[in-house]
Amino acid sequence: MENISRELFVPISKEEKQLDTIVRPSMSYWQDAWRRLKANKVAMASMWAIVFFIVLAIVGPMVMPYRYDEQLRGQEALGPSLKHLFGTDELGRDLFVRCLYGMRISLSIGIVATIINIVIGVLYGGISGYIGGKVDNIMMRIVDILYSVPLMIYVILLSVSLKPALEKLFDKYSFLSGLQTVGAPLVCIYIALGLTYWISMARIVRGEILSLKQQEYVTAAKTIGASGWRILLRHLIPNSMGSIIVTATLQIPSAIFTESFLSFIGLGVDAPVPSLGSLASDGINGFISYPYRLFFPSLLLCLIILAFNLFGDGLRDALDP
């Protein structure tokens, strides 16, 4: 064998060493998305506003000296003051406490509807997109039929038809007393939104799965004998989480607005339980004499919906690969 000359080995210079240094540490997809989200000041402000509203809705009614249904004699129809920040209504109930409780109702509707939306929509769209063929065709035709009718009609019909049945069910079975305290109308809205709001999520997830199942890592998983459920739950759905999170975030304000609209027209929660929609409806009656009764619930509803929309837009930009 021919000997290699030592003269062929030349030490590298400092400039060449600097070319090989890492400019910044490697980041995962979620770390990079969080970095981009933090750079979006509007999205971060909206996120902290959402956190503030949630904490205020949970803690606020607990620390206030009044209950949402407490009537203060001699303090009817008072304007905003330090004692009553939003004033009182014609029955002497503190509007600030009632608005806080109404925020709790609206935010719970958005969160519960989103959880049901993710569970049903992701599984339905994932199964449809992964199996494909006739199964996909039948499942999507069902979605098309449901999508052809406005979702608000579904929600209104389900809310009206389910309310008497749920009230009888609560009276018959004592173990459902916890749901009875929530109220049959609110449970109806939970069920109605959960049964209808998954349609858009299913279509979006199906499109993502159709494109992802052609990737090499799916073929490799099939080669080593991975089952269809494992491929769907461990590979395809996690890689679609960006679109799922953005869609779920942007549907929360839609669910909140739907509940507020139903309460506004009298199909939501029953009195004396307040909702931002029912408070706005009550405020219209005396708008000329007491404009603050309409202004404060409407303002809170607009701020909550705006915060979720701006945060959803920021998430969409941050999670865009």
Protein backbone atom coordinates (compact mmCIF):
# COMPACT_ATOMS: atom_id res chain seq x y z
CA MET A 1 0.00 0.00 0.00
CA GLU A 2 1.32 3.43 -0.91
CA ASN A 3 2.14 5.64 2.08
CA ILE A 4 0.10 8.87 2.46
CA SER A 5 2.19 11.97 2.82
CA ARG A 6 1.71 14.11 5.92
CA GLU A 7 1.91 17.21 3.74
CA LEU A 8 -1.59 16.45 2.45
CA PHE A 9 -3.10 17.16 5.90
CA VAL A 10 -3.43 20.92 6.37
CA PRO A 11 -5.04 22.37 9.55
CA ILE A 12 -8.18 24.44 8.87
CA SER A 13 -8.13 28.16 9.56
CA LYS A 14 -10.23 30.07 12.10
CA GLU A 15 -12.41 31.44 9.30
CA GLU A 16 -13.24 27.93 8.14
CA LYS A 17 -14.10 26.90 11.72
CA GLN A 18 -16.53 29.80 12.03
CA LEU A 19 -18.32 28.66 8.88
CA ASP A 20 -19.17 25.34 10.60
CA THR A 21 -20.54 26.89 13.78
CA ILE A 22 -24.29 26.71 14.41
CA VAL A 23 -25.85 30.14 13.96
CA ARG A 24 -28.77 29.31 16.27
CA PRO A 25 -29.81 26.15 18.12
CA SER A 26 -32.08 23.77 16.26
CA MET A 27 -35.79 24.17 17.07
CA SER A 28 -38.73 21.82 16.75
CA TYR A 29 -41.84 22.73 14.80
CA TRP A 30 -43.77 23.76 17.93
CA GLN A 31 -40.84 25.75 19.34
CA ASP A 32 -40.55 27.66 16.07
CA ALA A 33 -44.32 28.24 16.01
CA TRP A 34 -44.20 29.60 19.58
CA ARG A 35 -41.32 31.90 18.60
CA ARG A 36 -43.31 33.28 15.67
CA LEU A 37 -46.43 33.63 17.82
CA LYS A 38 -44.51 35.63 20.45
CA ALA A 39 -43.30 37.96 17.70
CA ASN A 40 -46.94 38.74 16.83
CA LYS A 41 -47.84 41.41 19.39
CA VAL A 42 -51.53 41.51 18.44
CA ALA A 43 -51.90 37.74 18.87
CA MET A 44 -50.09 37.77 22.22
CA ALA A 45 -52.22 40.66 23.47
CA SER A 46 -55.32 38.74 22.39
CA MET A 47 -54.08 35.60 24.16
CA TRP A 48 -53.57 37.46 27.44
CA ALA A 49 -56.97 39.13 26.99
CA ILE A 50 -58.57 35.68 26.67
CA VAL A 51 -56.77 34.50 29.81
CA PHE A 52 -57.94 37.64 31.63
CA PHE A 53 -61.57 37.07 30.57
CA ILE A 54 -61.46 33.42 31.66
CA VAL A 55 -59.96 34.24 35.07
CA LEU A 56 -62.38 37.13 35.53
CA ALA A 57 -65.37 34.94 34.65
CA ILE A 58 -64.29 32.20 37.08
CA VAL A 59 -63.01 34.25 40.02
CA GLY A 60 -65.10 37.41 39.66
CA PRO A 61 -68.49 36.09 40.83
CA MET A 62 -66.80 34.37 43.80
CA VAL A 63 -65.25 37.53 45.25
CA MET A 64 -68.10 39.95 44.54
CA PRO A 65 -70.41 40.74 47.49
CA TYR A 66 -73.54 40.21 45.36
CA ARG A 67 -75.04 37.17 43.66
CA TYR A 68 -76.24 37.32 40.09
CA ASP A 69 -79.87 36.79 41.22
CA GLU A 70 -79.75 38.95 44.37
CA GLN A 71 -82.24 41.83 44.36
CA LEU A 72 -81.06 44.89 46.28
CA ARG A 73 -84.08 46.77 47.65
CA GLY A 74 -83.92 50.52 47.12
CA GLN A 75 -81.12 50.25 44.52
CA GLU A 76 -83.20 49.63 41.40
CA ALA A 77 -82.15 51.15 38.06
CA LEU A 78 -78.96 52.79 39.32
CA GLY A 79 -76.34 54.05 36.91
CA PRO A 80 -72.66 52.99 36.90
CA SER A 81 -70.79 53.95 40.07
CA LEU A 82 -67.96 52.73 42.28
CA LYS A 83 -70.41 50.57 44.22
CA HIS A 84 -72.04 49.12 41.10
CA LEU A 85 -69.54 49.34 38.24
CA PHE A 86 -72.11 48.58 35.53
CA GLY A 87 -75.13 49.86 37.45
CA THR A 88 -78.20 47.84 38.41
CA ASP A 89 -81.27 46.69 36.51
CA GLU A 90 -84.93 47.40 37.23
CA LEU A 91 -84.99 44.67 39.90
CA GLY A 92 -81.92 45.96 41.73
CA ARG A 93 -79.53 43.24 40.53
CA ASP A 94 -75.89 44.20 40.06
CA LEU A 95 -75.14 44.20 36.32
CA PHE A 96 -71.39 43.72 36.75
CA VAL A 97 -71.90 40.40 38.54
CA ARG A 98 -74.51 39.35 36.00
CA CYS A 99 -72.14 40.21 33.13
CA LEU A 100 -69.36 38.17 34.77
CA TYR A 101 -71.69 35.21 35.13
CA GLY A 102 -72.84 35.72 31.53
CA MET A 103 -69.18 35.60 30.43
CA ARG A 104 -68.83 32.31 32.28
CA ILE A 105 -71.80 30.88 30.37
CA SER A 106 -70.52 32.12 27.01
CA LEU A 107 -66.95 30.91 27.52
CA SER A 108 -68.12 27.51 28.76
CA ILE A 109 -70.26 27.15 25.62
CA GLY A 110 -67.26 27.93 23.42
CA ILE A 111 -64.93 25.54 25.25
CA VAL A 112 -67.38 22.62 25.46
CA ALA A 113 -68.44 23.00 21.82
CA THR A 114 -64.79 23.07 20.76
CA ILE A 115 -63.90 19.91 22.72
CA ILE A 116 -66.83 18.01 21.17
CA ASN A 117 -65.94 19.53 17.80
CA ILE A 118 -62.37 18.24 17.99
CA VAL A 119 -63.31 14.74 19.18
CA ILE A 120 -66.07 14.09 16.62
CA GLY A 121 -64.73 16.13 13.71
CA VAL A 122 -61.14 14.88 13.89
CA LEU A 123 -62.12 11.21 14.18
CA TYR A 124 -64.79 11.42 11.48
CA GLY A 125 -62.64 13.32 9.01
CA GLY A 126 -59.56 11.21 9.83
CA ILE A 127 -61.35 7.90 9.26
CA SER A 128 -62.94 9.17 6.06
CA GLY A 129 -59.68 10.46 4.61
CA TYR A 130 -57.55 7.47 5.61
CA ILE A 131 -59.88 4.69 4.43
CA GLY A 132 -60.92 6.48 1.25
CA GLY A 133 -62.90 4.79 -1.51
CA LYS A 134 -66.60 4.08 -1.03
CA VAL A 135 -66.42 4.68 2.71
CA ASP A 136 -65.03 8.17 2.15
CA ASN A 137 -67.64 8.85 -0.51
CA ILE A 138 -70.55 7.83 1.75
CA MET A 139 -69.21 9.70 4.81
CA MET A 140 -68.65 12.89 2.82
CA ARG A 141 -72.09 12.74 1.23
CA ILE A 142 -73.55 12.67 4.76
CA VAL A 143 -71.47 15.74 5.60
CA ASP A 144 -72.63 17.48 2.40
CA ILE A 145 -76.28 16.84 3.29
CA LEU A 146 -75.79 18.25 6.80
CA TYR A 147 -73.78 21.17 5.44
CA SER A 148 -76.52 22.11 2.96
CA VAL A 149 -78.82 23.23 5.80
CA PRO A 150 -77.73 26.30 7.82
CA LEU A 151 -76.28 25.24 11.15
CA MET A 152 -78.35 27.81 13.03
CA ILE A 153 -81.53 25.97 12.01
CA TYR A 154 -80.13 22.71 13.41
CA VAL A 155 -79.21 24.40 16.66
CA ILE A 156 -82.60 26.09 17.07
CA LEU A 157 -84.57 22.91 16.27
CA LEU A 158 -82.46 20.76 18.58
CA SER A 159 -82.65 23.32 21.38
CA VAL A 160 -86.44 23.54 21.16
CA SER A 161 -87.05 19.78 20.80
CA LEU A 162 -84.56 18.58 23.42
CA LYS A 163 -85.57 20.96 26.22
CA PRO A 164 -88.82 19.19 27.34
CA ALA A 165 -87.18 15.75 27.15
CA LEU A 166 -84.19 16.85 29.23
CA GLU A 167 -86.41 18.47 31.87
CA LYS A 168 -88.36 15.19 32.28
CA LEU A 169 -85.08 13.26 32.39
CA PHE A 170 -83.67 15.50 35.14
CA ASP A 171 -86.83 15.12 37.22
CA LYS A 172 -86.89 11.33 36.79
CA TYR A 173 -83.29 10.48 37.66
CA SER A 174 -81.74 11.95 40.80
CA PHE A 175 -78.14 11.27 39.72
CA LEU A 176 -78.58 13.94 37.05
CA SER A 177 -79.11 16.64 39.67
CA GLY A 178 -75.73 18.15 38.80
CA LEU A 179 -76.88 18.79 35.23
CA GLN A 180 -80.17 20.14 36.57
CA THR A 181 -78.29 22.93 38.32
CA VAL A 182 -76.75 23.85 34.96
CA GLY A 183 -80.21 23.98 33.44
CA ALA A 184 -81.90 22.10 30.61
CA PRO A 185 -81.63 25.02 28.11
CA LEU A 186 -77.86 25.26 28.58
CA VAL A 187 -77.44 21.49 28.24
CA CYS A 188 -79.55 21.67 25.06
CA ILE A 189 -77.17 24.25 23.62
CA TYR A 190 -74.17 22.06 24.55
CA ILE A 191 -75.70 19.08 22.74
CA ALA A 192 -76.92 21.08 19.75
CA LEU A 193 -73.56 22.73 19.14
CA GLY A 194 -71.72 19.46 19.70
CA LEU A 195 -73.87 17.68 17.11
CA THR A 196 -73.47 20.33 14.41
CA TYR A 197 -70.17 22.19 14.78
CA TRP A 198 -67.97 19.21 13.84
CA ILE A 199 -68.87 19.36 10.13
CA SER A 200 -66.30 21.98 9.09
CA MET A 201 -63.63 20.32 11.20
CA ALA A 202 -64.29 16.95 9.54
CA ARG A 203 -63.86 18.39 6.06
CA ILE A 204 -60.62 20.15 6.94
CA VAL A 205 -59.13 17.08 8.67
CA ARG A 206 -60.14 14.86 5.74
CA GLY A 207 -58.25 17.11 3.33
CA GLU A 208 -55.17 17.05 5.55
CA ILE A 209 -55.24 13.26 5.89
CA LEU A 210 -55.66 12.76 2.13
CA SER A 211 -52.43 14.67 1.50
CA LEU A 212 -50.46 13.24 4.43
CA LYS A 213 -51.24 9.56 3.87
CA GLN A 214 -49.17 9.65 0.67
CA GLN A 215 -46.00 10.53 2.61
CA GLU A 216 -43.06 8.14 2.94
CA TYR A 217 -43.33 7.70 6.71
CA VAL A 218 -46.86 6.32 6.29
CA THR A 219 -45.59 3.80 3.76
CA ALA A 220 -42.78 2.85 6.14
CA ALA A 221 -45.25 2.38 9.00
CA LYS A 222 -47.39 0.10 6.83
CA THR A 223 -44.29 -1.86 5.82
CA ILE A 224 -43.36 -2.70 9.41
CA GLY A 225 -46.93 -3.84 10.12
CA ALA A 226 -48.47 -0.84 11.92
CA SER A 227 -52.26 -0.99 12.11
CA GLY A 228 -54.50 1.60 10.51
CA TRP A 229 -55.58 3.02 13.89
CA ARG A 230 -51.96 3.40 14.97
CA ILE A 231 -51.01 5.18 11.74
CA LEU A 232 -54.02 7.48 12.05
CA LEU A 233 -53.63 8.31 15.76
CA ARG A 234 -49.83 8.34 16.04
CA HIS A 235 -48.76 9.78 12.69
CA LEU A 236 -51.48 11.42 10.60
CA ILE A 237 -53.56 13.29 13.20
CA PRO A 238 -50.51 14.65 15.14
CA ASN A 239 -49.12 16.00 11.86
CA SER A 240 -52.45 17.74 11.22
CA MET A 241 -52.59 19.45 14.63
CA GLY A 242 -51.68 22.85 13.18
CA SER A 243 -54.84 23.03 11.07
CA ILE A 244 -56.92 21.43 13.83
CA ILE A 245 -55.84 23.97 16.47
CA VAL A 246 -56.40 26.95 14.17
CA THR A 247 -59.84 25.73 13.08
CA ALA A 248 -60.92 25.00 16.66
CA THR A 249 -59.73 28.41 17.85
CA LEU A 250 -61.59 30.24 15.09
CA GLN A 251 -64.80 28.29 15.78
CA ILE A 252 -64.92 29.26 19.47
CA PRO A 253 -66.21 32.81 18.76
CA SER A 254 -68.78 31.34 16.37
CA ALA A 255 -70.11 29.07 19.14
CA ILE A 256 -70.16 31.97 21.62
CA PHE A 257 -72.07 34.15 19.16
CA THR A 258 -74.56 31.34 18.48
CA GLU A 259 -75.31 30.93 22.19
CA SER A 260 -75.65 34.70 22.61
CA PHE A 261 -78.02 34.88 19.65
CA LEU A 262 -80.18 32.06 21.01
CA SER A 263 -80.33 33.76 24.42
CA PHE A 264 -81.11 37.08 22.73
CA ILE A 265 -84.19 35.66 21.00
CA GLY A 266 -85.31 33.78 24.12
CA LEU A 267 -84.15 30.24 23.26
CA GLY A 268 -81.11 30.22 25.52
CA VAL A 269 -80.73 30.07 29.27
CA ASP A 270 -83.77 30.59 31.49
CA ALA A 271 -84.12 33.53 33.87
CA PRO A 272 -82.72 34.43 36.32
CA VAL A 273 -79.53 32.83 34.90
CA PRO A 274 -77.86 35.57 32.85
CA SER A 275 -76.12 35.34 29.52
CA LEU A 276 -74.51 38.13 27.55
CA GLY A 277 -77.16 37.63 24.88
CA SER A 278 -80.08 37.74 27.34
CA LEU A 279 -78.58 40.78 29.10
CA ALA A 280 -78.33 42.59 25.76
CA SER A 281 -81.94 41.62 25.01
CA ASP A 282 -83.06 43.04 28.36
CA GLY A 283 -81.05 46.20 27.71
CA ILE A 284 -82.87 46.94 24.47
CA ASN A 285 -86.17 47.46 26.26
CA GLY A 286 -84.87 50.50 28.15
CA PHE A 287 -82.16 51.59 25.72
CA ILE A 288 -83.24 55.25 25.61
CA SER A 289 -83.38 55.72 29.39
CA TYR A 290 -80.69 53.22 30.45
CA PRO A 291 -78.21 52.76 27.56
CA TYR A 292 -75.55 51.23 29.84
CA ARG A 293 -77.67 48.07 30.21
CA LEU A 294 -77.12 47.33 26.53
CA PHE A 295 -73.65 48.82 26.20
CA PHE A 296 -71.72 46.76 28.77
CA PRO A 297 -72.93 43.23 27.80
CA SER A 298 -72.51 44.05 24.11
CA LEU A 299 -69.02 45.44 24.70
CA LEU A 300 -67.88 42.34 26.61
CA LEU A 301 -69.30 40.06 23.92
CA CYS A 302 -67.53 42.02 21.16
CA LEU A 303 -64.22 42.02 23.03
CA ILE A 304 -64.34 38.27 23.67
CA ILE A 305 -65.15 37.44 20.05
CA LEU A 306 -62.53 39.91 18.77
CA ALA A 307 -59.85 38.45 21.05
CA PHE A 308 -60.50 34.89 19.86
CA ASN A 309 -60.53 35.95 16.20
CA LEU A 310 -57.26 37.88 16.46
CA PHE A 311 -55.63 35.05 18.40
CA GLY A 312 -56.82 32.54 15.80
CA ASP A 313 -55.34 34.64 13.01
CA GLY A 314 -52.05 34.79 14.88
CA LEU A 315 -52.06 31.01 15.41
CA ARG A 316 -52.72 30.47 11.72
CA ASP A 317 -49.68 32.55 10.79
CA ALA A 318 -47.49 30.95 13.46
CA LEU A 319 -48.41 27.36 12.58
CA ASP A 320 -48.10 27.86 8.84
CA PRO A 321 -45.13 25.66 7.82
